[in-house]
Amino acid sequence: MAEFLAGYFKLGPGDYGHGDQMIGVKLSTIRGLIKPYQRADLPLAELEQALKSPIHEHRLAVLCLLADRAARSLKPRTANPAEVTAIYELYLRSTAYINNWDLVDCSTSEIVGGYLLDKPRDVLYTLVRSSSLWERRIALVATHLFIMRGESADTYALAALVLDDREDLIHKASGWMLREAGKRVSEDELLAFLDQHATVMPRTMLRYAIERLAPDVRKHYLKAR
């Protein structure tokens, strides 16, 4: 399993995950293992230290715990703005350890998106211009929570900024968020974005973005590309 996951998450020489260490534990298993600790409110300082582990699955477990806590702290009955802030600040100073797509995707929406729900979002526009692939992906995936709340402006603005990005993982993330914005907020807004940018969108981004559109509409935009 560890060998399979190492290939899946591109840990080989020259790949984006090179240097990481995997022991071969699936996310579903990790979620089961951390369940007893989800409401234990472990000290954030200890979780931050654990996030520096060389083992990929250790970091994944910590990020799942932090995301769960951030989400819980956003709910009206258990609202804790100070904790949301503390987790967000821990996260942004730890991006060097959030260094694969699963680590970003399991945590960013709740932690970064959750903190920014009622705040200026300038940080996303800084992150999306970062030299770090993972910080750019954080900026894009953070908007998923906005989309779930009916907001899509930042998703489209950030997607426009990565049209010339060279990384396929950024094309996938931006296309994924565009697809979700079209599905959950406004298909017309997605079509307007595609009308403006489809001819220059990376093919992966375009394919992800149009995935839920009608077959004839998908065909139209693929031909435009």
Protein backbone atom coordinates (compact mmCIF):
# COMPACT_ATOMS: atom_id res chain seq x y z
CA MET A 1 0.00 0.00 0.00
CA ALA A 2 2.78 2.45 0.87
CA GLU A 3 4.41 1.85 -2.52
CA PHE A 4 1.10 2.37 -4.33
CA LEU A 5 0.35 5.60 -2.44
CA ALA A 6 3.88 6.86 -3.05
CA GLY A 7 3.22 6.57 -6.77
CA TYR A 8 -0.26 8.06 -6.50
CA PHE A 9 0.98 11.11 -4.60
CA LYS A 10 4.07 11.53 -6.78
CA LEU A 11 6.81 11.02 -4.22
CA GLY A 12 9.45 9.88 -6.72
CA PRO A 13 12.57 11.84 -7.75
CA GLY A 14 11.62 14.94 -9.68
CA ASP A 15 7.94 14.70 -8.70
CA TYR A 16 6.09 17.34 -6.69
CA GLY A 17 6.01 15.15 -3.54
CA HIS A 18 9.61 14.01 -3.64
CA GLY A 19 11.15 13.64 -0.19
CA ASP A 20 7.91 12.90 1.64
CA GLN A 21 7.52 9.64 3.56
CA MET A 22 4.39 7.47 3.44
CA ILE A 23 3.57 4.48 5.61
CA GLY A 24 0.49 3.43 3.60
CA VAL A 25 -2.57 4.41 5.66
CA LYS A 26 -5.73 5.47 3.82
CA LEU A 27 -7.62 8.65 4.70
CA SER A 28 -10.70 6.65 5.73
CA THR A 29 -8.57 4.73 8.24
CA ILE A 30 -7.00 7.93 9.55
CA ARG A 31 -10.43 9.49 10.08
CA GLY A 32 -11.44 6.47 12.13
CA LEU A 33 -8.28 6.62 14.21
CA ILE A 34 -8.65 10.32 15.06
CA LYS A 35 -12.36 10.15 15.91
CA PRO A 36 -11.77 9.81 19.69
CA TYR A 37 -9.65 12.99 19.60
CA GLN A 38 -12.00 15.20 17.60
CA ARG A 39 -13.50 16.79 20.71
CA ALA A 40 -10.49 16.40 22.94
CA ASP A 41 -9.27 19.93 22.18
CA LEU A 42 -5.62 18.92 22.10
CA PRO A 43 -3.29 21.91 22.63
CA LEU A 44 -2.71 23.73 19.36
CA ALA A 45 1.00 24.02 20.15
CA GLU A 46 1.24 20.22 20.25
CA LEU A 47 -0.68 19.84 17.01
CA GLU A 48 1.57 22.40 15.36
CA GLN A 49 4.61 20.42 16.43
CA ALA A 50 3.05 17.18 15.16
CA LEU A 51 2.41 18.87 11.81
CA LYS A 52 6.19 18.95 11.32
CA SER A 53 6.36 15.15 11.24
CA PRO A 54 8.24 13.69 8.25
CA ILE A 55 5.43 11.12 7.89
CA HIS A 56 2.73 12.18 5.43
CA GLU A 57 -0.10 10.41 7.26
CA HIS A 58 0.83 12.06 10.57
CA ARG A 59 0.41 15.47 8.96
CA LEU A 60 -2.83 14.36 7.30
CA ALA A 61 -4.25 13.32 10.68
CA VAL A 62 -3.30 16.64 12.27
CA LEU A 63 -4.85 18.63 9.43
CA CYS A 64 -8.08 16.64 9.64
CA LEU A 65 -8.26 17.38 13.36
CA LEU A 66 -7.60 21.07 12.81
CA ALA A 67 -10.21 21.27 10.04
CA ASP A 68 -12.79 19.56 12.24
CA ARG A 69 -12.09 22.00 15.07
CA ALA A 70 -12.27 25.00 12.79
CA ALA A 71 -15.60 23.81 11.35
CA ARG A 72 -16.99 23.19 14.83
CA SER A 73 -15.86 26.64 15.98
CA LEU A 74 -17.81 28.23 13.11
CA LYS A 75 -21.14 26.71 14.12
CA PRO A 76 -23.50 29.00 16.07
CA ARG A 77 -23.84 26.69 19.07
CA THR A 78 -20.11 26.15 19.42
CA ALA A 79 -18.82 29.42 17.96
CA ASN A 80 -15.28 30.26 19.02
CA PRO A 81 -13.81 33.06 16.87
CA ALA A 82 -10.56 33.10 18.83
CA GLU A 83 -9.95 29.44 18.06
CA VAL A 84 -10.82 29.91 14.37
CA THR A 85 -8.21 32.69 14.26
CA ALA A 86 -5.58 30.66 16.11
CA ILE A 87 -6.01 27.66 13.79
CA TYR A 88 -5.89 29.89 10.70
CA GLU A 89 -2.67 31.57 11.85
CA LEU A 90 -1.10 28.18 12.70
CA TYR A 91 -2.05 26.94 9.24
CA LEU A 92 -0.55 29.83 7.31
CA ARG A 93 2.75 29.67 9.16
CA SER A 94 2.89 25.91 8.49
CA THR A 95 2.36 25.78 4.74
CA ALA A 96 5.81 24.24 4.26
CA TYR A 97 4.35 21.07 5.80
CA ILE A 98 1.07 21.19 3.86
CA ASN A 99 2.82 19.89 0.79
CA ASN A 100 0.56 17.63 -1.20
CA TRP A 101 -2.89 17.95 -2.69
CA ASP A 102 -4.66 15.72 -0.16
CA LEU A 103 -3.23 17.75 2.72
CA VAL A 104 -4.55 20.95 1.16
CA ASP A 105 -7.91 19.55 0.14
CA CYS A 106 -8.82 18.02 3.51
CA SER A 107 -8.28 21.23 5.44
CA THR A 108 -8.15 24.51 3.52
CA SER A 109 -11.84 25.14 2.98
CA GLU A 110 -12.69 24.89 6.67
CA ILE A 111 -9.58 26.60 8.03
CA VAL A 112 -8.74 29.34 5.54
CA GLY A 113 -12.16 29.71 3.94
CA GLY A 114 -13.86 29.58 7.32
CA TYR A 115 -11.70 32.31 8.81
CA LEU A 116 -12.13 34.57 5.79
CA LEU A 117 -15.91 34.22 5.49
CA ASP A 118 -16.55 37.63 7.06
CA LYS A 119 -13.17 39.25 6.37
CA PRO A 120 -11.22 40.82 3.48
CA ARG A 121 -9.69 38.15 1.29
CA ASP A 122 -6.50 39.86 0.16
CA VAL A 123 -4.42 36.99 1.52
CA LEU A 124 -5.84 34.68 -1.16
CA TYR A 125 -4.53 36.96 -3.88
CA THR A 126 -1.11 36.91 -2.25
CA LEU A 127 -1.14 33.13 -1.95
CA VAL A 128 -2.30 32.58 -5.54
CA ARG A 129 0.82 34.43 -6.74
CA SER A 130 3.15 32.41 -4.52
CA SER A 131 6.02 30.40 -5.98
CA SER A 132 4.68 27.49 -3.89
CA LEU A 133 2.34 25.19 -5.77
CA TRP A 134 0.62 24.31 -2.50
CA GLU A 135 0.01 27.90 -1.45
CA ARG A 136 -1.56 28.57 -4.84
CA ARG A 137 -3.79 25.53 -4.42
CA ILE A 138 -4.70 26.69 -0.90
CA ALA A 139 -5.90 30.02 -2.33
CA LEU A 140 -8.17 28.29 -4.85
CA VAL A 141 -9.58 25.52 -2.65
CA ALA A 142 -10.26 27.96 0.21
CA THR A 143 -13.07 29.40 -1.91
CA HIS A 144 -15.04 26.15 -1.71
CA LEU A 145 -16.63 27.25 1.56
CA PHE A 146 -17.58 30.59 -0.01
CA ILE A 147 -19.26 28.69 -2.83
CA MET A 148 -21.18 26.58 -0.33
CA ARG A 149 -22.44 29.85 1.17
CA GLY A 150 -23.53 31.16 -2.22
CA GLU A 151 -20.49 33.34 -3.05
CA SER A 152 -18.43 32.88 -6.20
CA ALA A 153 -16.73 36.20 -7.00
CA ASP A 154 -13.37 35.21 -5.51
CA THR A 155 -13.44 31.83 -7.24
CA TYR A 156 -13.71 33.50 -10.65
CA ALA A 157 -11.18 36.22 -9.85
CA LEU A 158 -8.59 33.70 -8.65
CA ALA A 159 -9.22 31.31 -11.55
CA ALA A 160 -8.49 34.16 -13.97
CA LEU A 161 -5.12 34.66 -12.29
CA VAL A 162 -3.98 31.07 -12.86
CA LEU A 163 -4.88 30.71 -16.53
CA ASP A 164 -1.18 30.62 -17.40
CA ASP A 165 -0.09 28.51 -14.42
CA ARG A 166 2.21 25.66 -15.46
CA GLU A 167 1.07 23.14 -12.85
CA ASP A 168 -1.64 20.61 -13.67
CA LEU A 169 -2.67 20.45 -10.00
CA ILE A 170 -3.55 24.14 -10.19
CA HIS A 171 -5.54 23.55 -13.39
CA LYS A 172 -7.44 20.77 -11.60
CA ALA A 173 -8.12 22.85 -8.50
CA SER A 174 -9.33 25.90 -10.41
CA GLY A 175 -11.49 23.78 -12.73
CA TRP A 176 -12.95 21.97 -9.73
CA MET A 177 -13.88 25.26 -8.03
CA LEU A 178 -15.34 26.67 -11.26
CA ARG A 179 -17.48 23.55 -11.66
CA GLU A 180 -18.72 23.85 -8.08
CA ALA A 181 -19.49 27.55 -8.53
CA GLY A 182 -21.51 26.78 -11.64
CA LYS A 183 -23.38 23.99 -9.89
CA ARG A 184 -24.07 25.65 -6.54
CA VAL A 185 -24.20 29.38 -7.24
CA SER A 186 -24.96 30.24 -10.88
CA GLU A 187 -24.50 28.34 -14.11
CA ASP A 188 -24.92 31.61 -16.00
CA GLU A 189 -21.91 33.07 -14.18
CA LEU A 190 -19.84 30.03 -15.13
CA LEU A 191 -20.92 30.33 -18.76
CA ALA A 192 -19.96 34.02 -18.77
CA PHE A 193 -16.50 33.11 -17.44
CA LEU A 194 -16.13 30.40 -20.07
CA ASP A 195 -17.24 32.74 -22.84
CA GLN A 196 -14.42 35.08 -21.85
CA HIS A 197 -11.65 32.59 -21.10
CA ALA A 198 -12.36 29.16 -22.65
CA THR A 199 -10.10 29.75 -25.64
CA VAL A 200 -7.04 30.20 -23.38
CA MET A 201 -7.92 27.96 -20.43
CA PRO A 202 -5.61 24.99 -19.85
CA ARG A 203 -7.43 21.93 -21.17
CA THR A 204 -7.54 20.22 -17.76
CA MET A 205 -9.06 23.31 -16.15
CA LEU A 206 -11.65 23.56 -18.90
CA ARG A 207 -12.60 19.88 -18.74
CA TYR A 208 -13.10 20.04 -14.97
CA ALA A 209 -15.08 23.29 -15.22
CA ILE A 210 -17.56 22.01 -17.82
CA GLU A 211 -18.01 18.54 -16.36
CA ARG A 212 -21.59 19.12 -15.15
CA LEU A 213 -22.81 21.11 -18.15
CA ALA A 214 -25.08 19.68 -20.85
CA PRO A 215 -23.26 17.56 -23.49
CA ASP A 216 -23.82 20.05 -26.29
CA VAL A 217 -22.53 22.91 -24.12
CA ARG A 218 -19.42 20.92 -23.18
CA LYS A 219 -18.81 20.18 -26.86
CA HIS A 220 -19.12 23.87 -27.72
CA TYR A 221 -16.46 24.95 -25.23
CA LEU A 222 -14.11 22.10 -26.06
CA LYS A 223 -14.24 23.15 -29.69
CA ALA A 224 -13.54 26.73 -28.67
CA ARG A 225 -10.42 25.55 -26.87
